[in-house]
Amino acid sequence: MNEDSSDAYIFTLPTAPSGSWEQLTRNEQAWIEFIRIISCGSDPSITPARVRALRELLDST
Protein backbone atom coordinates (compact mmCIF):
# COMPACT_ATOMS: atom_id res chain seq x y z
CA MET A 1 0.00 0.00 0.00
CA ASN A 2 1.13 3.53 -0.55
CA GLU A 3 0.72 6.70 1.47
CA ASP A 4 -2.17 7.87 -0.71
CA SER A 5 -4.39 4.94 0.27
CA SER A 6 -7.11 6.23 2.61
CA ASP A 7 -8.34 2.70 3.35
CA ALA A 8 -5.00 1.50 4.70
CA TYR A 9 -5.80 0.25 8.19
CA ILE A 10 -3.51 -1.87 10.28
CA PHE A 11 -5.01 -3.61 13.26
CA THR A 12 -4.10 -6.57 15.37
CA LEU A 13 -6.49 -9.25 16.42
CA PRO A 14 -7.07 -9.32 20.15
CA THR A 15 -6.03 -12.42 21.98
CA ALA A 16 -8.18 -14.12 24.55
CA PRO A 17 -7.37 -13.43 28.16
CA SER A 18 -5.35 -16.18 29.77
CA GLY A 19 -7.20 -16.05 33.05
CA SER A 20 -10.64 -16.18 34.51
CA TRP A 21 -13.41 -13.61 34.12
CA GLU A 22 -12.67 -12.35 37.62
CA GLN A 23 -9.10 -11.46 36.60
CA LEU A 24 -10.36 -8.96 34.03
CA THR A 25 -10.74 -5.34 35.05
CA ARG A 26 -14.26 -3.97 35.47
CA ASN A 27 -13.67 -1.93 32.31
CA GLU A 28 -12.66 -5.02 30.30
CA GLN A 29 -15.71 -6.91 31.58
CA ALA A 30 -17.97 -3.98 30.64
CA TRP A 31 -16.60 -3.85 27.09
CA ILE A 32 -17.08 -7.58 26.61
CA GLU A 33 -20.65 -7.34 27.90
CA PHE A 34 -21.31 -4.31 25.65
CA ILE A 35 -20.07 -6.13 22.54
CA ARG A 36 -22.14 -9.20 23.39
CA ILE A 37 -25.27 -7.07 23.91
CA ILE A 38 -24.96 -5.22 20.60
CA SER A 39 -24.15 -8.46 18.75
CA CYS A 40 -27.14 -10.35 20.22
CA GLY A 41 -24.99 -12.65 22.34
CA SER A 42 -22.65 -13.74 19.57
CA ASP A 43 -18.93 -13.14 19.29
CA PRO A 44 -18.68 -11.62 15.81
CA SER A 45 -15.50 -12.09 13.83
CA ILE A 46 -13.33 -9.05 13.23
CA THR A 47 -13.32 -7.66 9.70
CA PRO A 48 -11.93 -4.39 8.32
CA ALA A 49 -15.48 -3.22 7.56
CA ARG A 50 -16.58 -3.86 11.15
CA VAL A 51 -13.52 -2.07 12.53
CA ARG A 52 -14.29 0.96 10.31
CA ALA A 53 -17.96 0.94 11.34
CA LEU A 54 -17.09 0.78 15.03
CA ARG A 55 -14.53 3.59 14.66
CA GLU A 56 -17.09 5.75 12.84
CA LEU A 57 -19.68 5.07 15.53
CA LEU A 58 -17.30 5.88 18.38
CA ASP A 59 -15.85 8.96 16.64
CA SER A 60 -19.33 10.42 16.04
CA THR A 61 -20.09 10.82 19.73
PDB file of N, CA and C in Angstrom:
ATOM      1  N   MET A   1       0.842  -1.184   0.000  1.00  0.00           N
ATOM      2  CA  MET A   1       0.000   0.000   0.000  1.00  0.00           C
ATOM      3  C   MET A   1       0.881   1.239   0.000  1.00  0.00           C
ATOM      4  N   ASN A   2       0.358   2.294  -0.543  1.00  0.00           N
ATOM      5  CA  ASN A   2       1.130   3.532  -0.548  1.00  0.00           C
ATOM      6  C   ASN A   2       0.519   4.550   0.395  1.00  0.00           C
ATOM      7  N   GLU A   3       1.177   5.683   0.523  1.00  0.00           N
ATOM      8  CA  GLU A   3       0.719   6.703   1.470  1.00  0.00           C
ATOM      9  C   GLU A   3      -0.600   7.341   1.054  1.00  0.00           C
ATOM     10  N   ASP A   4      -0.949   7.244  -0.223  1.00  0.00           N
ATOM     11  CA  ASP A   4      -2.174   7.865  -0.712  1.00  0.00           C
ATOM     12  C   ASP A   4      -3.420   7.039  -0.424  1.00  0.00           C
ATOM     13  N   SER A   5      -3.250   5.824   0.029  1.00  0.00           N
ATOM     14  CA  SER A   5      -4.386   4.944   0.270  1.00  0.00           C
ATOM     15  C   SER A   5      -5.106   5.347   1.555  1.00  0.00           C
ATOM     16  N   SER A   6      -6.348   5.805   1.427  1.00  0.00           N
ATOM     17  CA  SER A   6      -7.107   6.230   2.609  1.00  0.00           C
ATOM     18  C   SER A   6      -7.727   5.048   3.348  1.00  0.00           C
ATOM     19  N   ASP A   7      -7.768   3.880   2.715  1.00  0.00           N
ATOM     20  CA  ASP A   7      -8.342   2.698   3.349  1.00  0.00           C
ATOM     21  C   ASP A   7      -7.285   1.797   3.967  1.00  0.00           C
ATOM     22  N   ALA A   8      -6.091   2.314   4.153  1.00  0.00           N
ATOM     23  CA  ALA A   8      -4.996   1.499   4.697  1.00  0.00           C
ATOM     24  C   ALA A   8      -5.089   1.473   6.217  1.00  0.00           C
ATOM     25  N   TYR A   9      -5.683   0.412   6.748  1.00  0.00           N
ATOM     26  CA  TYR A   9      -5.798   0.246   8.191  1.00  0.00           C
ATOM     27  C   TYR A   9      -4.949  -0.937   8.618  1.00  0.00           C
ATOM     28  N   ILE A  10      -4.260  -0.767   9.693  1.00  0.00           N
ATOM     29  CA  ILE A  10      -3.512  -1.871  10.279  1.00  0.00           C
ATOM     30  C   ILE A  10      -4.087  -2.095  11.662  1.00  0.00           C
ATOM     31  N   PHE A  11      -4.507  -3.299  11.932  1.00  0.00           N
ATOM     32  CA  PHE A  11      -5.009  -3.615  13.259  1.00  0.00           C
ATOM     33  C   PHE A  11      -4.572  -5.011  13.626  1.00  0.00           C
ATOM     34  N   THR A  12      -4.483  -5.250  14.895  1.00  0.00           N
ATOM     35  CA  THR A  12      -4.097  -6.571  15.370  1.00  0.00           C
ATOM     36  C   THR A  12      -5.311  -7.235  15.995  1.00  0.00           C
ATOM     37  N   LEU A  13      -5.388  -8.510  15.826  1.00  0.00           N
ATOM     38  CA  LEU A  13      -6.489  -9.252  16.421  1.00  0.00           C
ATOM     39  C   LEU A  13      -6.245  -9.399  17.913  1.00  0.00           C
ATOM     40  N   PRO A  14      -7.257  -9.140  18.711  1.00  0.00           N
ATOM     41  CA  PRO A  14      -7.072  -9.315  20.153  1.00  0.00           C
ATOM     42  C   PRO A  14      -6.920 -10.788  20.500  1.00  0.00           C
ATOM     43  N   THR A  15      -6.175 -11.040  21.517  1.00  0.00           N
ATOM     44  CA  THR A  15      -6.030 -12.415  21.983  1.00  0.00           C
ATOM     45  C   THR A  15      -6.928 -12.615  23.193  1.00  0.00           C
ATOM     46  N   ALA A  16      -7.314 -13.817  23.410  1.00  0.00           N
ATOM     47  CA  ALA A  16      -8.181 -14.124  24.545  1.00  0.00           C
ATOM     48  C   ALA A  16      -7.397 -13.981  25.842  1.00  0.00           C
ATOM     49  N   PRO A  17      -8.060 -13.522  26.876  1.00  0.00           N
ATOM     50  CA  PRO A  17      -7.368 -13.435  28.161  1.00  0.00           C
ATOM     51  C   PRO A  17      -6.956 -14.819  28.638  1.00  0.00           C
ATOM     52  N   SER A  18      -5.846 -14.880  29.319  1.00  0.00           N
ATOM     53  CA  SER A  18      -5.346 -16.183  29.766  1.00  0.00           C
ATOM     54  C   SER A  18      -5.735 -16.475  31.204  1.00  0.00           C
ATOM     55  N   GLY A  19      -6.754 -15.821  31.687  1.00  0.00           N
ATOM     56  CA  GLY A  19      -7.197 -16.054  33.054  1.00  0.00           C
ATOM     57  C   GLY A  19      -8.703 -16.171  33.115  1.00  0.00           C
ATOM     58  N   SER A  20      -9.200 -16.076  34.312  1.00  0.00           N
ATOM     59  CA  SER A  20     -10.644 -16.184  34.506  1.00  0.00           C
ATOM     60  C   SER A  20     -11.305 -14.817  34.342  1.00  0.00           C
ATOM     61  N   TRP A  21     -12.619 -14.839  34.251  1.00  0.00           N
ATOM     62  CA  TRP A  21     -13.415 -13.615  34.124  1.00  0.00           C
ATOM     63  C   TRP A  21     -13.102 -12.651  35.265  1.00  0.00           C
ATOM     64  N   GLU A  22     -12.919 -13.176  36.450  1.00  0.00           N
ATOM     65  CA  GLU A  22     -12.668 -12.348  37.625  1.00  0.00           C
ATOM     66  C   GLU A  22     -11.324 -11.620  37.552  1.00  0.00           C
ATOM     67  N   GLN A  23     -10.401 -12.109  36.730  1.00  0.00           N
ATOM     68  CA  GLN A  23      -9.099 -11.458  36.605  1.00  0.00           C
ATOM     69  C   GLN A  23      -9.133 -10.262  35.658  1.00  0.00           C
ATOM     70  N   LEU A  24     -10.217 -10.112  34.905  1.00  0.00           N
ATOM     71  CA  LEU A  24     -10.356  -8.955  34.032  1.00  0.00           C
ATOM     72  C   LEU A  24     -10.721  -7.735  34.858  1.00  0.00           C
ATOM     73  N   THR A  25     -10.339  -6.563  34.370  1.00  0.00           N
ATOM     74  CA  THR A  25     -10.738  -5.338  35.053  1.00  0.00           C
ATOM     75  C   THR A  25     -12.230  -5.120  34.831  1.00  0.00           C
ATOM     76  N   ARG A  26     -12.827  -4.271  35.642  1.00  0.00           N
ATOM     77  CA  ARG A  26     -14.256  -3.968  35.465  1.00  0.00           C
ATOM     78  C   ARG A  26     -14.499  -3.341  34.097  1.00  0.00           C
ATOM     79  N   ASN A  27     -13.544  -2.545  33.622  1.00  0.00           N
ATOM     80  CA  ASN A  27     -13.675  -1.930  32.306  1.00  0.00           C
ATOM     81  C   ASN A  27     -13.647  -2.985  31.200  1.00  0.00           C
ATOM     82  N   GLU A  28     -12.736  -3.949  31.292  1.00  0.00           N
ATOM     83  CA  GLU A  28     -12.664  -5.022  30.297  1.00  0.00           C
ATOM     84  C   GLU A  28     -13.947  -5.851  30.302  1.00  0.00           C
ATOM     85  N   GLN A  29     -14.459  -6.159  31.486  1.00  0.00           N
ATOM     86  CA  GLN A  29     -15.710  -6.908  31.583  1.00  0.00           C
ATOM     87  C   GLN A  29     -16.857  -6.125  30.952  1.00  0.00           C
ATOM     88  N   ALA A  30     -16.899  -4.818  31.195  1.00  0.00           N
ATOM     89  CA  ALA A  30     -17.967  -3.982  30.642  1.00  0.00           C
ATOM     90  C   ALA A  30     -17.914  -3.956  29.118  1.00  0.00           C
ATOM     91  N   TRP A  31     -16.720  -3.858  28.547  1.00  0.00           N
ATOM     92  CA  TRP A  31     -16.596  -3.852  27.089  1.00  0.00           C
ATOM     93  C   TRP A  31     -17.041  -5.181  26.494  1.00  0.00           C
ATOM     94  N   ILE A  32     -16.664  -6.267  27.106  1.00  0.00           N
ATOM     95  CA  ILE A  32     -17.079  -7.581  26.606  1.00  0.00           C
ATOM     96  C   ILE A  32     -18.593  -7.709  26.670  1.00  0.00           C
ATOM     97  N   GLU A  33     -19.187  -7.285  27.770  1.00  0.00           N
ATOM     98  CA  GLU A  33     -20.648  -7.335  27.898  1.00  0.00           C
ATOM     99  C   GLU A  33     -21.314  -6.436  26.867  1.00  0.00           C
ATOM    100  N   PHE A  34     -20.767  -5.248  26.638  1.00  0.00           N
ATOM    101  CA  PHE A  34     -21.314  -4.313  25.655  1.00  0.00           C
ATOM    102  C   PHE A  34     -21.305  -4.934  24.256  1.00  0.00           C
ATOM    103  N   ILE A  35     -20.175  -5.519  23.873  1.00  0.00           N
ATOM    104  CA  ILE A  35     -20.069  -6.130  22.543  1.00  0.00           C
ATOM    105  C   ILE A  35     -21.039  -7.294  22.410  1.00  0.00           C
ATOM    106  N   ARG A  36     -21.189  -8.079  23.454  1.00  0.00           N
ATOM    107  CA  ARG A  36     -22.138  -9.204  23.393  1.00  0.00           C
ATOM    108  C   ARG A  36     -23.579  -8.711  23.293  1.00  0.00           C
ATOM    109  N   ILE A  37     -23.907  -7.620  23.979  1.00  0.00           N
ATOM    110  CA  ILE A  37     -25.266  -7.068  23.913  1.00  0.00           C
ATOM    111  C   ILE A  37     -25.574  -6.574  22.510  1.00  0.00           C
ATOM    112  N   ILE A  38     -24.662  -5.784  21.923  1.00  0.00           N
ATOM    113  CA  ILE A  38     -24.955  -5.219  20.600  1.00  0.00           C
ATOM    114  C   ILE A  38     -24.852  -6.247  19.485  1.00  0.00           C
ATOM    115  N   SER A  39     -24.248  -7.412  19.771  1.00  0.00           N
ATOM    116  CA  SER A  39     -24.147  -8.464  18.753  1.00  0.00           C
ATOM    117  C   SER A  39     -25.105  -9.621  19.042  1.00  0.00           C
ATOM    118  N   CYS A  40     -26.109  -9.360  19.881  1.00  0.00           N
ATOM    119  CA  CYS A  40     -27.142 -10.352  20.217  1.00  0.00           C
ATOM    120  C   CYS A  40     -26.558 -11.638  20.796  1.00  0.00           C
ATOM    121  N   GLY A  41     -25.555 -11.498  21.644  1.00  0.00           N
ATOM    122  CA  GLY A  41     -24.988 -12.647  22.336  1.00  0.00           C
ATOM    123  C   GLY A  41     -23.944 -13.420  21.572  1.00  0.00           C
ATOM    124  N   SER A  42     -23.663 -13.020  20.347  1.00  0.00           N
ATOM    125  CA  SER A  42     -22.645 -13.741  19.570  1.00  0.00           C
ATOM    126  C   SER A  42     -21.290 -13.055  19.735  1.00  0.00           C
ATOM    127  N   ASP A  43     -20.267 -13.724  19.315  1.00  0.00           N
ATOM    128  CA  ASP A  43     -18.931 -13.139  19.292  1.00  0.00           C
ATOM    129  C   ASP A  43     -18.555 -12.961  17.828  1.00  0.00           C
ATOM    130  N   PRO A  44     -18.895 -11.806  17.246  1.00  0.00           N
ATOM    131  CA  PRO A  44     -18.679 -11.616  15.807  1.00  0.00           C
ATOM    132  C   PRO A  44     -17.197 -11.606  15.454  1.00  0.00           C
ATOM    133  N   SER A  45     -16.893 -12.115  14.272  1.00  0.00           N
ATOM    134  CA  SER A  45     -15.497 -12.091  13.831  1.00  0.00           C
ATOM    135  C   SER A  45     -15.114 -10.662  13.446  1.00  0.00           C
ATOM    136  N   ILE A  46     -13.833 -10.388  13.530  1.00  0.00           N
ATOM    137  CA  ILE A  46     -13.334  -9.050  13.229  1.00  0.00           C
ATOM    138  C   ILE A  46     -13.044  -8.960  11.737  1.00  0.00           C
ATOM    139  N   THR A  47     -13.587  -7.925  11.110  1.00  0.00           N
ATOM    140  CA  THR A  47     -13.316  -7.661   9.700  1.00  0.00           C
ATOM    141  C   THR A  47     -12.954  -6.188   9.565  1.00  0.00           C
ATOM    142  N   PRO A  48     -12.239  -5.807   8.516  1.00  0.00           N
ATOM    143  CA  PRO A  48     -11.927  -4.386   8.319  1.00  0.00           C
ATOM    144  C   PRO A  48     -13.183  -3.515   8.270  1.00  0.00           C
ATOM    145  N   ALA A  49     -14.240  -3.999   7.643  1.00  0.00           N
ATOM    146  CA  ALA A  49     -15.480  -3.222   7.562  1.00  0.00           C
ATOM    147  C   ALA A  49     -16.082  -2.998   8.946  1.00  0.00           C
ATOM    148  N   ARG A  50     -16.041  -4.007   9.795  1.00  0.00           N
ATOM    149  CA  ARG A  50     -16.584  -3.857  11.154  1.00  0.00           C
ATOM    150  C   ARG A  50     -15.723  -2.926  11.992  1.00  0.00           C
ATOM    151  N   VAL A  51     -14.413  -2.983  11.806  1.00  0.00           N
ATOM    152  CA  VAL A  51     -13.521  -2.066  12.527  1.00  0.00           C
ATOM    153  C   VAL A  51     -13.821  -0.631  12.109  1.00  0.00           C
ATOM    154  N   ARG A  52     -13.969  -0.387  10.794  1.00  0.00           N
ATOM    155  CA  ARG A  52     -14.291   0.963  10.307  1.00  0.00           C
ATOM    156  C   ARG A  52     -15.622   1.436  10.866  1.00  0.00           C
ATOM    157  N   ALA A  53     -16.632   0.565  10.843  1.00  0.00           N
ATOM    158  CA  ALA A  53     -17.959   0.944  11.337  1.00  0.00           C
ATOM    159  C   ALA A  53     -17.918   1.286  12.819  1.00  0.00           C
ATOM    160  N   LEU A  54     -17.194   0.504  13.602  1.00  0.00           N
ATOM    161  CA  LEU A  54     -17.090   0.782  15.029  1.00  0.00           C
ATOM    162  C   LEU A  54     -16.349   2.086  15.270  1.00  0.00           C
ATOM    163  N   ARG A  55     -15.272   2.325  14.520  1.00  0.00           N
ATOM    164  CA  ARG A  55     -14.535   3.590  14.659  1.00  0.00           C
ATOM    165  C   ARG A  55     -15.425   4.778  14.325  1.00  0.00           C
ATOM    166  N   GLU A  56     -16.185   4.671  13.230  1.00  0.00           N
ATOM    167  CA  GLU A  56     -17.087   5.754  12.844  1.00  0.00           C
ATOM    168  C   GLU A  56     -18.128   6.002  13.926  1.00  0.00           C
ATOM    169  N   LEU A  57     -18.678   4.941  14.478  1.00  0.00           N
ATOM    170  CA  LEU A  57     -19.677   5.072  15.534  1.00  0.00           C
ATOM    171  C   LEU A  57     -19.089   5.755  16.759  1.00  0.00           C
ATOM    172  N   LEU A  58     -17.911   5.317  17.183  1.00  0.00           N
ATOM    173  CA  LEU A  58     -17.297   5.882  18.385  1.00  0.00           C
ATOM    174  C   LEU A  58     -16.795   7.300  18.154  1.00  0.00           C
ATOM    175  N   ASP A  59     -16.343   7.611  16.937  1.00  0.00           N
ATOM    176  CA  ASP A  59     -15.853   8.960  16.638  1.00  0.00           C
ATOM    177  C   ASP A  59     -16.982   9.967  16.491  1.00  0.00           C
ATOM    178  N   SER A  60     -18.203   9.505  16.253  1.00  0.00           N
ATOM    179  CA  SER A  60     -19.327  10.416  16.037  1.00  0.00           C
ATOM    180  C   SER A  60     -19.931  10.933  17.338  1.00  0.00           C
ATOM    181  N   THR A  61     -19.515  10.384  18.453  1.00  0.00           N
ATOM    182  CA  THR A  61     -20.089  10.824  19.733  1.00  0.00           C
ATOM    183  C   THR A  61     -19.222  11.839  20.414  1.00  0.00           C
TER     184      THR A  61
END
